[in-house]
């Protein structure tokens, strides 16, 4: 794939990873998000079943009904990019770039970025290429190459939250959440990219700062 310059990041989400499972979530669009394909819902980073590996999960296009999911797809003009800070200066030292084309997700990295900040350039050649799993598939399609494994496709939204009650609280008509609550996101789906990489490729012996951005071609 030829290198392509990408415009300013549309959406971003961040967390700091020390140990255990960490996640960040945002199911409300940022002002700059006009294209649903760029709308980030969740970022998860956790240790794999193989404890020598780290798993990165980026979800986009939230609140999809089963009917909508039937025809949902990643956008060929949108890059999903995990940014990794392994020195503690809040600047990405490595990136994992996920680019969709022709029904497949191309995973680049982890690799040193050509540029830092809000613009990106696809770096090098793909580490692994995975066919996108259809919604109707009975099992996920997973590809592995160069020690890296990847999945791309629709998944049930793992986020849970009583959004209606939250709106009542912020609107002044309720003072708190009820027990049991109602999971607003039950039965909804997201488009998910999952990348599992050896920790040895992350060049870190301590904490990692990880954030997720979606970017569109110029």
N, C-alpha and C. Protein backbone atom coordinates (compact mmCIF):
# COMPACT_ATOMS: atom_id res chain seq x y z
N UNK A 1 0.84 -1.19 0.00
CA UNK A 1 0.00 0.00 0.00
C UNK A 1 0.88 1.24 0.00
N UNK A 2 0.53 2.21 -0.82
CA UNK A 2 1.30 3.44 -0.87
C UNK A 2 1.05 4.27 0.38
N UNK A 3 2.05 5.05 0.73
CA UNK A 3 1.88 5.94 1.87
C UNK A 3 0.87 7.03 1.53
N UNK A 4 0.05 7.38 2.52
CA UNK A 4 -0.96 8.42 2.28
C UNK A 4 -1.00 9.34 3.48
N UNK A 5 -0.91 10.64 3.23
CA UNK A 5 -1.04 11.60 4.31
C UNK A 5 -2.48 11.67 4.76
N UNK A 6 -2.67 11.84 6.05
CA UNK A 6 -4.00 11.89 6.60
C UNK A 6 -4.21 13.22 7.30
N UNK A 7 -5.46 13.69 7.33
CA UNK A 7 -5.75 14.99 7.90
C UNK A 7 -5.82 14.91 9.42
N UNK A 8 -6.18 16.02 10.04
CA UNK A 8 -6.24 16.14 11.49
C UNK A 8 -7.14 15.05 12.09
N UNK A 9 -6.74 14.57 13.25
CA UNK A 9 -7.53 13.55 13.93
C UNK A 9 -8.94 14.04 14.16
N UNK A 10 -9.92 13.14 13.95
CA UNK A 10 -11.32 13.48 14.14
C UNK A 10 -11.75 13.22 15.58
N UNK A 11 -11.28 12.11 16.15
CA UNK A 11 -11.67 11.75 17.51
C UNK A 11 -10.49 11.11 18.21
N UNK A 12 -10.50 11.19 19.56
CA UNK A 12 -9.37 10.66 20.31
C UNK A 12 -9.84 10.19 21.67
N UNK A 13 -9.16 9.16 22.21
CA UNK A 13 -9.48 8.62 23.52
C UNK A 13 -8.19 8.09 24.13
N UNK A 14 -8.00 8.28 25.44
CA UNK A 14 -6.70 7.94 26.03
C UNK A 14 -6.84 7.23 27.37
N UNK A 15 -5.78 6.48 27.75
CA UNK A 15 -5.68 5.88 29.07
C UNK A 15 -4.22 5.61 29.38
N UNK A 16 -3.94 5.32 30.65
CA UNK A 16 -2.60 4.95 31.10
C UNK A 16 -2.65 3.50 31.56
N UNK A 17 -1.74 2.68 31.06
CA UNK A 17 -1.73 1.26 31.39
C UNK A 17 -0.56 0.94 32.30
N UNK A 18 -0.87 0.42 33.47
CA UNK A 18 0.17 -0.07 34.36
C UNK A 18 0.05 -1.56 34.51
N UNK A 19 -1.13 -2.00 34.95
CA UNK A 19 -1.40 -3.43 35.11
C UNK A 19 -2.90 -3.64 35.04
N UNK A 20 -3.31 -4.87 34.72
CA UNK A 20 -4.72 -5.20 34.68
C UNK A 20 -5.39 -4.74 33.39
N UNK A 21 -6.74 -4.70 33.45
CA UNK A 21 -7.53 -4.29 32.29
C UNK A 21 -7.93 -2.83 32.47
N UNK A 22 -7.65 -2.02 31.48
CA UNK A 22 -8.06 -0.63 31.52
C UNK A 22 -8.86 -0.30 30.28
N UNK A 23 -9.82 0.63 30.45
CA UNK A 23 -10.63 1.00 29.30
C UNK A 23 -11.06 2.45 29.42
N UNK A 24 -11.38 3.02 28.28
CA UNK A 24 -11.95 4.36 28.22
C UNK A 24 -13.12 4.31 27.27
N UNK A 25 -14.16 5.08 27.58
CA UNK A 25 -15.37 5.01 26.76
C UNK A 25 -15.95 6.39 26.53
N UNK A 26 -16.55 6.57 25.36
CA UNK A 26 -17.20 7.82 25.02
C UNK A 26 -18.23 7.53 23.93
N UNK A 27 -19.49 7.40 24.34
CA UNK A 27 -20.53 7.07 23.38
C UNK A 27 -21.31 8.30 22.92
N UNK A 28 -20.78 9.47 23.18
CA UNK A 28 -21.38 10.70 22.68
C UNK A 28 -20.39 11.34 21.72
N UNK A 29 -20.87 11.74 20.55
CA UNK A 29 -19.99 12.27 19.52
C UNK A 29 -19.25 13.52 19.97
N UNK A 30 -17.97 13.59 19.62
CA UNK A 30 -17.22 14.83 19.77
C UNK A 30 -17.69 15.81 18.70
N UNK A 31 -17.55 17.12 18.94
CA UNK A 31 -18.04 18.10 17.96
C UNK A 31 -17.47 17.91 16.56
N UNK A 32 -16.22 17.42 16.46
CA UNK A 32 -15.59 17.29 15.15
C UNK A 32 -16.05 16.04 14.39
N UNK A 33 -16.78 15.15 15.08
CA UNK A 33 -17.17 13.89 14.45
C UNK A 33 -18.44 14.09 13.63
N UNK A 34 -18.31 14.10 12.34
CA UNK A 34 -19.45 14.24 11.45
C UNK A 34 -19.74 12.94 10.71
N UNK A 35 -18.76 12.06 10.66
CA UNK A 35 -18.87 10.79 9.96
C UNK A 35 -18.91 9.68 11.00
N UNK A 36 -19.96 8.87 11.01
CA UNK A 36 -20.09 7.83 12.04
C UNK A 36 -18.91 6.87 12.05
N UNK A 37 -18.27 6.69 10.90
CA UNK A 37 -17.15 5.75 10.82
C UNK A 37 -15.95 6.22 11.64
N UNK A 38 -15.90 7.49 11.98
CA UNK A 38 -14.79 8.03 12.76
C UNK A 38 -15.12 8.14 14.25
N UNK A 39 -16.35 7.79 14.63
CA UNK A 39 -16.79 7.97 16.01
C UNK A 39 -16.29 6.83 16.90
N UNK A 40 -15.34 7.14 17.78
CA UNK A 40 -14.80 6.15 18.71
C UNK A 40 -15.77 5.94 19.87
N UNK A 41 -16.01 4.68 20.23
CA UNK A 41 -16.83 4.39 21.39
C UNK A 41 -16.00 3.89 22.57
N UNK A 42 -15.04 3.01 22.30
CA UNK A 42 -14.28 2.42 23.40
C UNK A 42 -12.83 2.14 23.01
N UNK A 43 -11.97 2.21 24.00
CA UNK A 43 -10.58 1.77 23.89
C UNK A 43 -10.29 0.85 25.07
N UNK A 44 -9.81 -0.35 24.79
CA UNK A 44 -9.43 -1.31 25.83
C UNK A 44 -7.99 -1.75 25.58
N UNK A 45 -7.22 -1.90 26.65
CA UNK A 45 -5.88 -2.46 26.56
C UNK A 45 -5.70 -3.41 27.74
N UNK A 46 -5.30 -4.65 27.46
CA UNK A 46 -5.17 -5.62 28.55
C UNK A 46 -4.17 -6.71 28.16
N UNK A 47 -3.72 -7.42 29.17
CA UNK A 47 -2.79 -8.52 28.95
C UNK A 47 -3.51 -9.69 28.29
N UNK A 48 -2.86 -10.33 27.32
CA UNK A 48 -3.49 -11.43 26.62
C UNK A 48 -3.48 -12.71 27.43
N UNK A 49 -4.17 -13.75 26.90
CA UNK A 49 -4.13 -15.07 27.53
C UNK A 49 -2.69 -15.55 27.59
N UNK A 50 -1.93 -15.23 26.57
CA UNK A 50 -0.47 -15.38 26.61
C UNK A 50 0.06 -14.13 27.29
N UNK A 51 0.55 -14.27 28.50
CA UNK A 51 0.91 -13.10 29.31
C UNK A 51 2.11 -12.33 28.76
N UNK A 52 2.73 -12.85 27.72
CA UNK A 52 3.81 -12.11 27.06
C UNK A 52 3.27 -11.13 26.03
N UNK A 53 1.95 -11.14 25.84
CA UNK A 53 1.32 -10.28 24.83
C UNK A 53 0.42 -9.23 25.46
N UNK A 54 0.18 -8.15 24.71
CA UNK A 54 -0.75 -7.11 25.10
C UNK A 54 -1.80 -6.98 23.99
N UNK A 55 -3.05 -6.81 24.40
CA UNK A 55 -4.16 -6.74 23.45
C UNK A 55 -4.70 -5.31 23.40
N UNK A 56 -4.84 -4.78 22.20
CA UNK A 56 -5.40 -3.45 21.97
C UNK A 56 -6.74 -3.61 21.26
N UNK A 57 -7.77 -2.97 21.80
CA UNK A 57 -9.11 -3.04 21.19
C UNK A 57 -9.61 -1.62 20.95
N UNK A 58 -9.98 -1.33 19.72
CA UNK A 58 -10.58 -0.04 19.37
C UNK A 58 -11.94 -0.26 18.75
N UNK A 59 -12.98 0.36 19.33
CA UNK A 59 -14.33 0.22 18.82
C UNK A 59 -14.85 1.54 18.26
N UNK A 60 -15.55 1.46 17.14
CA UNK A 60 -16.14 2.64 16.51
C UNK A 60 -17.57 2.32 16.09
N UNK A 61 -18.30 3.37 15.67
CA UNK A 61 -19.65 3.21 15.13
C UNK A 61 -20.60 2.56 16.14
N UNK A 62 -20.77 3.19 17.28
CA UNK A 62 -21.60 2.62 18.32
C UNK A 62 -23.09 2.71 18.08
N UNK A 63 -23.84 2.05 18.98
CA UNK A 63 -25.31 2.07 19.00
C UNK A 63 -25.93 1.55 17.71
N UNK A 64 -25.28 0.56 17.08
CA UNK A 64 -25.85 -0.03 15.88
C UNK A 64 -26.83 -1.14 16.26
N UNK A 65 -28.00 -1.11 15.67
CA UNK A 65 -28.97 -2.18 15.86
C UNK A 65 -28.54 -3.40 15.05
N UNK A 66 -29.08 -4.58 15.34
CA UNK A 66 -28.76 -5.75 14.52
C UNK A 66 -29.03 -5.53 13.04
N UNK A 67 -30.11 -4.84 12.72
CA UNK A 67 -30.43 -4.58 11.32
C UNK A 67 -29.38 -3.68 10.67
N UNK A 68 -28.96 -2.65 11.40
CA UNK A 68 -27.93 -1.74 10.88
C UNK A 68 -26.60 -2.46 10.72
N UNK A 69 -26.31 -3.34 11.65
CA UNK A 69 -25.03 -4.06 11.62
C UNK A 69 -24.90 -4.95 10.40
N UNK A 70 -26.04 -5.41 9.88
CA UNK A 70 -26.01 -6.30 8.71
C UNK A 70 -25.24 -5.68 7.55
N UNK A 71 -25.35 -4.36 7.40
CA UNK A 71 -24.71 -3.68 6.27
C UNK A 71 -23.58 -2.75 6.70
N UNK A 72 -23.23 -2.77 7.99
CA UNK A 72 -22.18 -1.87 8.49
C UNK A 72 -20.82 -2.28 7.93
N UNK A 73 -19.96 -1.28 7.75
CA UNK A 73 -18.62 -1.54 7.21
C UNK A 73 -17.66 -0.49 7.73
N UNK A 74 -16.39 -0.82 7.75
CA UNK A 74 -15.35 0.16 8.01
C UNK A 74 -15.24 1.08 6.80
N UNK A 75 -14.64 2.26 7.01
CA UNK A 75 -14.51 3.27 5.96
C UNK A 75 -13.10 3.23 5.39
N UNK A 76 -12.98 3.11 4.07
CA UNK A 76 -11.66 3.05 3.44
C UNK A 76 -10.89 4.37 3.55
N UNK A 77 -11.58 5.44 3.90
CA UNK A 77 -10.91 6.74 4.05
C UNK A 77 -10.56 7.05 5.50
N UNK A 78 -10.81 6.11 6.39
CA UNK A 78 -10.56 6.33 7.82
C UNK A 78 -9.49 5.39 8.35
N UNK A 79 -8.48 5.96 8.99
CA UNK A 79 -7.48 5.17 9.71
C UNK A 79 -7.85 5.12 11.18
N UNK A 80 -7.76 3.94 11.77
CA UNK A 80 -7.91 3.77 13.21
C UNK A 80 -6.50 3.55 13.76
N UNK A 81 -6.06 4.45 14.63
CA UNK A 81 -4.65 4.45 15.03
C UNK A 81 -4.48 4.41 16.55
N UNK A 82 -3.83 3.35 17.04
CA UNK A 82 -3.44 3.27 18.44
C UNK A 82 -2.09 3.98 18.58
N UNK A 83 -2.01 4.91 19.53
CA UNK A 83 -0.76 5.62 19.79
C UNK A 83 -0.23 5.19 21.16
N UNK A 84 1.07 4.90 21.21
CA UNK A 84 1.66 4.30 22.41
C UNK A 84 2.84 5.14 22.87
N UNK A 85 2.76 5.64 24.10
CA UNK A 85 3.86 6.39 24.72
C UNK A 85 4.55 5.48 25.72
N UNK A 86 5.80 5.13 25.48
CA UNK A 86 6.52 4.26 26.41
C UNK A 86 7.61 4.97 27.20
N UNK A 87 7.62 6.31 27.13
CA UNK A 87 8.64 7.09 27.86
C UNK A 87 8.04 8.07 28.86
N UNK A 88 6.72 8.19 28.90
CA UNK A 88 6.07 9.04 29.88
C UNK A 88 6.04 10.51 29.56
N UNK A 89 6.28 10.88 28.28
CA UNK A 89 6.27 12.30 27.92
C UNK A 89 5.00 12.71 27.18
N UNK A 90 4.02 11.81 27.13
CA UNK A 90 2.73 12.08 26.47
C UNK A 90 2.86 12.34 24.97
N UNK A 91 3.90 11.82 24.37
CA UNK A 91 4.09 11.87 22.92
C UNK A 91 4.25 10.43 22.44
N UNK A 92 3.55 10.08 21.37
CA UNK A 92 3.60 8.70 20.91
C UNK A 92 4.99 8.31 20.42
N UNK A 93 5.47 7.19 20.92
CA UNK A 93 6.75 6.62 20.48
C UNK A 93 6.53 5.53 19.44
N UNK A 94 5.36 4.90 19.52
CA UNK A 94 4.98 3.84 18.59
C UNK A 94 3.53 4.02 18.18
N UNK A 95 3.18 3.50 17.02
CA UNK A 95 1.79 3.50 16.59
C UNK A 95 1.43 2.13 16.02
N UNK A 96 0.17 1.79 16.14
CA UNK A 96 -0.41 0.65 15.43
C UNK A 96 -1.50 1.24 14.54
N UNK A 97 -1.32 1.17 13.25
CA UNK A 97 -2.22 1.80 12.29
C UNK A 97 -3.09 0.74 11.62
N UNK A 98 -4.39 0.98 11.60
CA UNK A 98 -5.35 0.02 11.05
C UNK A 98 -6.07 0.69 9.88
N UNK A 99 -5.87 0.14 8.69
CA UNK A 99 -6.41 0.74 7.47
C UNK A 99 -7.24 -0.30 6.73
N UNK A 100 -8.48 0.05 6.43
CA UNK A 100 -9.41 -0.86 5.76
C UNK A 100 -9.39 -0.65 4.26
N UNK A 101 -9.34 -1.77 3.53
CA UNK A 101 -9.40 -1.69 2.07
C UNK A 101 -9.84 -3.03 1.50
N UNK A 102 -10.86 -2.97 0.64
CA UNK A 102 -11.29 -4.16 -0.08
C UNK A 102 -11.72 -5.32 0.79
N UNK A 103 -12.41 -5.02 1.89
CA UNK A 103 -12.90 -6.08 2.76
C UNK A 103 -11.87 -6.63 3.73
N UNK A 104 -10.68 -6.03 3.76
CA UNK A 104 -9.62 -6.48 4.66
C UNK A 104 -9.11 -5.32 5.50
N UNK A 105 -8.64 -5.64 6.70
CA UNK A 105 -8.01 -4.64 7.57
C UNK A 105 -6.50 -4.88 7.55
N UNK A 106 -5.77 -3.84 7.17
CA UNK A 106 -4.31 -3.89 7.11
C UNK A 106 -3.76 -3.28 8.40
N UNK A 107 -2.96 -4.05 9.12
CA UNK A 107 -2.40 -3.60 10.40
C UNK A 107 -0.92 -3.29 10.21
N UNK A 108 -0.54 -2.05 10.50
CA UNK A 108 0.86 -1.60 10.39
C UNK A 108 1.40 -1.35 11.79
N UNK A 109 2.60 -1.88 12.07
CA UNK A 109 3.21 -1.64 13.37
C UNK A 109 3.04 -2.83 14.30
N UNK A 110 3.46 -2.60 15.58
CA UNK A 110 3.90 -1.35 16.18
C UNK A 110 5.18 -0.83 15.52
N UNK A 111 5.18 0.47 15.24
CA UNK A 111 6.30 1.07 14.53
C UNK A 111 6.43 2.53 14.95
N UNK A 112 7.64 3.06 14.85
CA UNK A 112 7.85 4.48 15.13
C UNK A 112 7.10 5.30 14.09
N UNK A 113 6.32 6.31 14.53
CA UNK A 113 5.54 7.09 13.57
C UNK A 113 6.41 8.02 12.73
N UNK A 114 5.97 8.26 11.50
CA UNK A 114 6.67 9.22 10.64
C UNK A 114 6.50 10.63 11.17
N UNK A 115 5.32 10.90 11.75
CA UNK A 115 5.04 12.19 12.37
C UNK A 115 4.25 11.94 13.65
N UNK A 116 4.30 12.88 14.59
CA UNK A 116 3.51 12.77 15.80
C UNK A 116 2.40 13.82 15.78
N UNK A 117 1.43 13.62 16.67
CA UNK A 117 0.36 14.61 16.77
C UNK A 117 -0.87 14.22 15.97
N UNK A 118 -1.48 15.22 15.34
CA UNK A 118 -2.79 15.04 14.74
C UNK A 118 -2.79 14.58 13.30
N UNK A 119 -1.63 14.50 12.68
CA UNK A 119 -1.57 13.98 11.31
C UNK A 119 -0.69 12.74 11.29
N UNK A 120 -0.96 11.85 10.35
CA UNK A 120 -0.23 10.59 10.28
C UNK A 120 0.05 10.20 8.84
N UNK A 121 1.07 9.39 8.68
CA UNK A 121 1.40 8.78 7.40
C UNK A 121 1.53 7.28 7.61
N UNK A 122 0.95 6.49 6.73
CA UNK A 122 1.08 5.04 6.83
C UNK A 122 2.56 4.68 6.74
N UNK A 123 3.03 3.87 7.71
CA UNK A 123 4.46 3.58 7.82
C UNK A 123 4.74 2.13 7.43
N UNK A 124 5.66 1.96 6.48
CA UNK A 124 6.15 0.62 6.14
C UNK A 124 5.12 -0.24 5.44
N UNK A 125 5.25 -1.55 5.65
CA UNK A 125 4.33 -2.52 5.07
C UNK A 125 3.52 -3.15 6.19
N UNK A 126 2.37 -3.70 5.85
CA UNK A 126 1.48 -4.26 6.86
C UNK A 126 2.13 -5.44 7.59
N UNK A 127 2.00 -5.44 8.91
CA UNK A 127 2.50 -6.55 9.72
C UNK A 127 1.59 -7.77 9.60
N UNK A 128 0.29 -7.52 9.47
CA UNK A 128 -0.69 -8.59 9.33
C UNK A 128 -1.90 -8.02 8.60
N UNK A 129 -2.55 -8.85 7.80
CA UNK A 129 -3.76 -8.47 7.06
C UNK A 129 -4.84 -9.48 7.42
N UNK A 130 -6.03 -8.98 7.82
CA UNK A 130 -7.10 -9.87 8.24
C UNK A 130 -8.38 -9.55 7.47
N UNK A 131 -9.07 -10.58 7.02
CA UNK A 131 -10.37 -10.42 6.38
C UNK A 131 -11.37 -9.96 7.44
N UNK A 132 -12.21 -8.99 7.11
CA UNK A 132 -13.21 -8.53 8.06
C UNK A 132 -14.26 -9.63 8.26
N UNK A 133 -14.55 -9.93 9.52
CA UNK A 133 -15.53 -10.96 9.85
C UNK A 133 -16.94 -10.45 9.57
N UNK A 134 -17.74 -11.13 8.76
CA UNK A 134 -19.12 -10.69 8.50
C UNK A 134 -19.98 -10.84 9.75
N UNK A 135 -21.05 -10.07 9.83
CA UNK A 135 -21.96 -10.12 10.97
C UNK A 135 -22.59 -11.50 11.10
N UNK A 136 -22.80 -12.18 9.98
CA UNK A 136 -23.46 -13.48 9.97
C UNK A 136 -22.51 -14.65 10.24
N UNK A 137 -21.23 -14.37 10.41
CA UNK A 137 -20.25 -15.44 10.61
C UNK A 137 -20.50 -16.17 11.93
N UNK A 138 -20.26 -17.47 11.93
CA UNK A 138 -20.44 -18.26 13.15
C UNK A 138 -19.20 -18.26 14.04
N UNK A 139 -18.08 -17.81 13.48
CA UNK A 139 -16.83 -17.74 14.25
C UNK A 139 -16.01 -16.56 13.75
N UNK A 140 -15.25 -15.92 14.64
CA UNK A 140 -14.43 -14.78 14.21
C UNK A 140 -13.29 -15.21 13.30
N UNK A 141 -12.95 -14.36 12.35
CA UNK A 141 -11.80 -14.59 11.48
C UNK A 141 -10.60 -13.90 12.12
N UNK A 142 -9.57 -14.66 12.41
CA UNK A 142 -8.36 -14.12 13.05
C UNK A 142 -7.16 -14.45 12.18
N UNK A 143 -6.33 -13.46 11.94
CA UNK A 143 -5.11 -13.67 11.16
C UNK A 143 -3.90 -13.40 12.04
N UNK A 144 -2.83 -14.15 11.81
CA UNK A 144 -1.60 -13.98 12.58
C UNK A 144 -0.40 -13.96 11.65
N UNK A 145 0.52 -13.05 11.91
CA UNK A 145 1.75 -12.94 11.13
C UNK A 145 2.75 -12.12 11.91
N UNK A 146 4.01 -12.48 11.82
CA UNK A 146 5.07 -11.72 12.50
C UNK A 146 4.84 -11.62 14.00
N UNK A 147 4.19 -12.64 14.58
CA UNK A 147 3.93 -12.64 16.01
C UNK A 147 2.74 -11.81 16.43
N UNK A 148 2.06 -11.19 15.47
CA UNK A 148 0.93 -10.30 15.74
C UNK A 148 -0.35 -10.95 15.24
N UNK A 149 -1.42 -10.88 16.04
CA UNK A 149 -2.72 -11.41 15.65
C UNK A 149 -3.72 -10.27 15.57
N UNK A 150 -4.72 -10.41 14.67
CA UNK A 150 -5.68 -9.33 14.48
C UNK A 150 -7.06 -9.86 14.14
N UNK A 151 -8.06 -9.09 14.54
CA UNK A 151 -9.47 -9.32 14.20
C UNK A 151 -10.07 -7.98 13.82
N UNK A 152 -11.02 -7.99 12.89
CA UNK A 152 -11.78 -6.78 12.56
C UNK A 152 -13.19 -7.19 12.18
N UNK A 153 -14.18 -6.49 12.75
CA UNK A 153 -15.55 -6.81 12.40
C UNK A 153 -16.52 -6.38 13.48
N UNK A 154 -17.81 -6.66 13.30
CA UNK A 154 -18.83 -6.26 14.28
C UNK A 154 -18.77 -7.12 15.53
N UNK A 155 -19.03 -6.49 16.67
CA UNK A 155 -19.10 -7.18 17.95
C UNK A 155 -20.22 -6.55 18.77
N UNK A 156 -20.75 -7.33 19.71
CA UNK A 156 -21.69 -6.78 20.67
C UNK A 156 -20.98 -5.72 21.50
N UNK A 157 -21.63 -4.58 21.71
CA UNK A 157 -20.98 -3.49 22.46
C UNK A 157 -20.76 -3.93 23.91
N UNK A 158 -19.52 -3.99 24.39
CA UNK A 158 -19.25 -4.43 25.76
C UNK A 158 -19.56 -3.37 26.81
N UNK A 159 -19.78 -2.14 26.37
CA UNK A 159 -20.05 -1.05 27.31
C UNK A 159 -21.45 -1.20 27.90
N UNK A 160 -21.61 -0.87 29.18
CA UNK A 160 -22.93 -0.91 29.80
C UNK A 160 -23.14 0.35 30.63
N UNK A 161 -24.34 0.94 30.49
CA UNK A 161 -24.61 2.21 31.15
C UNK A 161 -26.10 2.51 31.03
N UNK A 162 -26.67 3.08 32.09
CA UNK A 162 -28.07 3.51 32.06
C UNK A 162 -28.12 4.96 31.59
N UNK A 163 -28.15 5.14 30.28
CA UNK A 163 -28.07 6.48 29.71
C UNK A 163 -29.32 7.30 29.99
N UNK A 164 -30.49 6.66 29.97
CA UNK A 164 -31.73 7.40 30.22
C UNK A 164 -31.74 7.97 31.64
N UNK A 165 -31.33 7.17 32.61
CA UNK A 165 -31.28 7.67 33.98
C UNK A 165 -30.23 8.75 34.13
N UNK A 166 -29.12 8.61 33.44
CA UNK A 166 -28.09 9.64 33.45
C UNK A 166 -28.64 10.97 32.96
N UNK A 167 -29.44 10.93 31.88
CA UNK A 167 -30.04 12.16 31.36
C UNK A 167 -31.02 12.77 32.37
N UNK A 168 -31.73 11.91 33.11
CA UNK A 168 -32.64 12.43 34.14
C UNK A 168 -31.85 13.12 35.26
N UNK A 169 -30.72 12.53 35.63
CA UNK A 169 -29.88 13.12 36.68
C UNK A 169 -29.34 14.47 36.24
N UNK A 170 -28.78 14.52 35.03
CA UNK A 170 -28.21 15.79 34.54
C UNK A 170 -29.29 16.80 34.23
N UNK A 171 -30.52 16.32 33.99
CA UNK A 171 -31.63 17.23 33.72
C UNK A 171 -32.35 17.69 34.98
N UNK A 172 -31.94 17.17 36.14
CA UNK A 172 -32.50 17.61 37.41
C UNK A 172 -33.78 16.92 37.82
N UNK A 173 -34.18 15.85 37.12
CA UNK A 173 -35.42 15.15 37.46
C UNK A 173 -35.16 13.89 38.28
N UNK A 174 -33.90 13.57 38.54
CA UNK A 174 -33.54 12.43 39.38
C UNK A 174 -32.26 12.78 40.13
N UNK A 175 -32.08 12.16 41.30
CA UNK A 175 -30.91 12.48 42.12
C UNK A 175 -29.82 11.43 42.05
N UNK A 176 -30.12 10.27 41.46
CA UNK A 176 -29.12 9.23 41.37
C UNK A 176 -29.57 8.07 40.51
N UNK A 177 -28.70 7.11 40.36
CA UNK A 177 -29.04 5.92 39.57
C UNK A 177 -29.90 4.97 40.40
N UNK A 178 -30.67 4.13 39.72
CA UNK A 178 -31.54 3.17 40.38
C UNK A 178 -30.91 1.78 40.30
N UNK A 179 -31.33 0.91 41.21
CA UNK A 179 -30.83 -0.47 41.25
C UNK A 179 -32.01 -1.43 41.26
N UNK A 180 -32.16 -2.24 40.22
CA UNK A 180 -31.24 -2.39 39.08
C UNK A 180 -31.44 -1.30 38.04
N UNK A 181 -30.39 -1.00 37.31
CA UNK A 181 -30.49 -0.04 36.22
C UNK A 181 -30.87 -0.73 34.92
N UNK A 182 -30.95 0.05 33.88
CA UNK A 182 -31.25 -0.47 32.54
C UNK A 182 -30.06 -0.21 31.64
N UNK A 183 -29.52 -1.26 31.04
CA UNK A 183 -28.37 -1.11 30.15
C UNK A 183 -28.86 -0.60 28.80
N UNK A 184 -28.65 0.68 28.54
CA UNK A 184 -29.08 1.29 27.29
C UNK A 184 -28.43 0.64 26.08
N UNK A 185 -27.25 0.08 26.26
CA UNK A 185 -26.48 -0.43 25.14
C UNK A 185 -26.67 -1.93 24.90
N UNK A 186 -27.55 -2.56 25.68
CA UNK A 186 -27.84 -3.97 25.49
C UNK A 186 -28.42 -4.20 24.09
N UNK A 187 -27.86 -5.16 23.37
CA UNK A 187 -28.36 -5.49 22.05
C UNK A 187 -27.84 -4.61 20.94
N UNK A 188 -26.94 -3.67 21.26
CA UNK A 188 -26.36 -2.82 20.22
C UNK A 188 -24.94 -3.30 19.90
N UNK A 189 -24.46 -2.90 18.75
CA UNK A 189 -23.18 -3.40 18.26
C UNK A 189 -22.22 -2.27 17.91
N UNK A 190 -20.96 -2.63 17.76
CA UNK A 190 -19.90 -1.72 17.33
C UNK A 190 -19.08 -2.41 16.25
N UNK A 191 -18.30 -1.63 15.53
CA UNK A 191 -17.27 -2.18 14.65
C UNK A 191 -15.96 -2.16 15.43
N UNK A 192 -15.31 -3.31 15.51
CA UNK A 192 -14.18 -3.47 16.42
C UNK A 192 -12.91 -3.90 15.68
N UNK A 193 -11.78 -3.36 16.12
CA UNK A 193 -10.47 -3.81 15.66
C UNK A 193 -9.69 -4.29 16.89
N UNK A 194 -9.20 -5.51 16.84
CA UNK A 194 -8.45 -6.10 17.95
C UNK A 194 -7.07 -6.50 17.44
N UNK A 195 -6.03 -6.03 18.12
CA UNK A 195 -4.66 -6.36 17.72
C UNK A 195 -3.90 -6.85 18.95
N UNK A 196 -3.35 -8.05 18.86
CA UNK A 196 -2.56 -8.62 19.96
C UNK A 196 -1.09 -8.66 19.54
N UNK A 197 -0.24 -8.04 20.35
CA UNK A 197 1.18 -7.93 19.99
C UNK A 197 2.06 -8.39 21.15
N UNK A 198 3.22 -8.92 20.86
CA UNK A 198 4.17 -9.25 21.93
C UNK A 198 4.61 -7.99 22.67
N UNK A 199 4.69 -8.07 23.97
CA UNK A 199 5.15 -6.93 24.76
C UNK A 199 6.56 -6.50 24.35
N UNK A 200 7.34 -7.44 23.86
CA UNK A 200 8.71 -7.13 23.48
C UNK A 200 8.78 -6.13 22.34
N UNK A 201 7.70 -5.98 21.57
CA UNK A 201 7.68 -5.03 20.47
C UNK A 201 7.33 -3.61 20.92
N UNK A 202 6.99 -3.46 22.21
CA UNK A 202 6.55 -2.16 22.70
C UNK A 202 7.66 -1.38 23.39
N UNK A 203 8.83 -1.99 23.54
CA UNK A 203 10.02 -1.29 24.05
C UNK A 203 9.77 -0.59 25.38
N UNK A 204 9.12 -1.29 26.29
CA UNK A 204 8.81 -0.66 27.57
C UNK A 204 8.96 -1.67 28.71
N UNK A 205 9.47 -1.19 29.83
CA UNK A 205 9.55 -2.02 31.03
C UNK A 205 8.66 -1.46 32.13
N UNK A 206 7.95 -0.38 31.84
CA UNK A 206 7.10 0.25 32.84
C UNK A 206 5.72 0.53 32.29
N UNK A 207 5.17 1.68 32.66
CA UNK A 207 3.83 2.04 32.24
C UNK A 207 3.80 2.47 30.78
N UNK A 208 2.65 2.24 30.17
CA UNK A 208 2.41 2.71 28.81
C UNK A 208 1.25 3.69 28.81
N UNK A 209 1.38 4.76 28.07
CA UNK A 209 0.25 5.63 27.79
C UNK A 209 -0.29 5.25 26.43
N UNK A 210 -1.59 5.00 26.34
CA UNK A 210 -2.19 4.58 25.08
C UNK A 210 -3.39 5.45 24.78
N UNK A 211 -3.47 5.93 23.55
CA UNK A 211 -4.68 6.63 23.11
C UNK A 211 -5.02 6.21 21.70
N UNK A 212 -6.28 6.42 21.35
CA UNK A 212 -6.81 5.97 20.07
C UNK A 212 -7.32 7.16 19.29
N UNK A 213 -6.97 7.23 18.03
CA UNK A 213 -7.46 8.30 17.17
C UNK A 213 -8.02 7.73 15.88
N UNK A 214 -9.02 8.40 15.33
CA UNK A 214 -9.48 8.12 13.98
C UNK A 214 -9.12 9.31 13.11
N UNK A 215 -8.63 9.01 11.91
CA UNK A 215 -8.15 10.06 11.01
C UNK A 215 -8.65 9.77 9.60
N UNK A 216 -8.88 10.83 8.84
CA UNK A 216 -9.35 10.67 7.47
C UNK A 216 -8.33 11.18 6.46
N UNK A 217 -8.35 10.56 5.27
CA UNK A 217 -7.43 10.94 4.22
C UNK A 217 -7.64 12.38 3.80
N UNK A 218 -6.54 13.06 3.48
CA UNK A 218 -6.61 14.43 2.97
C UNK A 218 -7.13 14.40 1.55
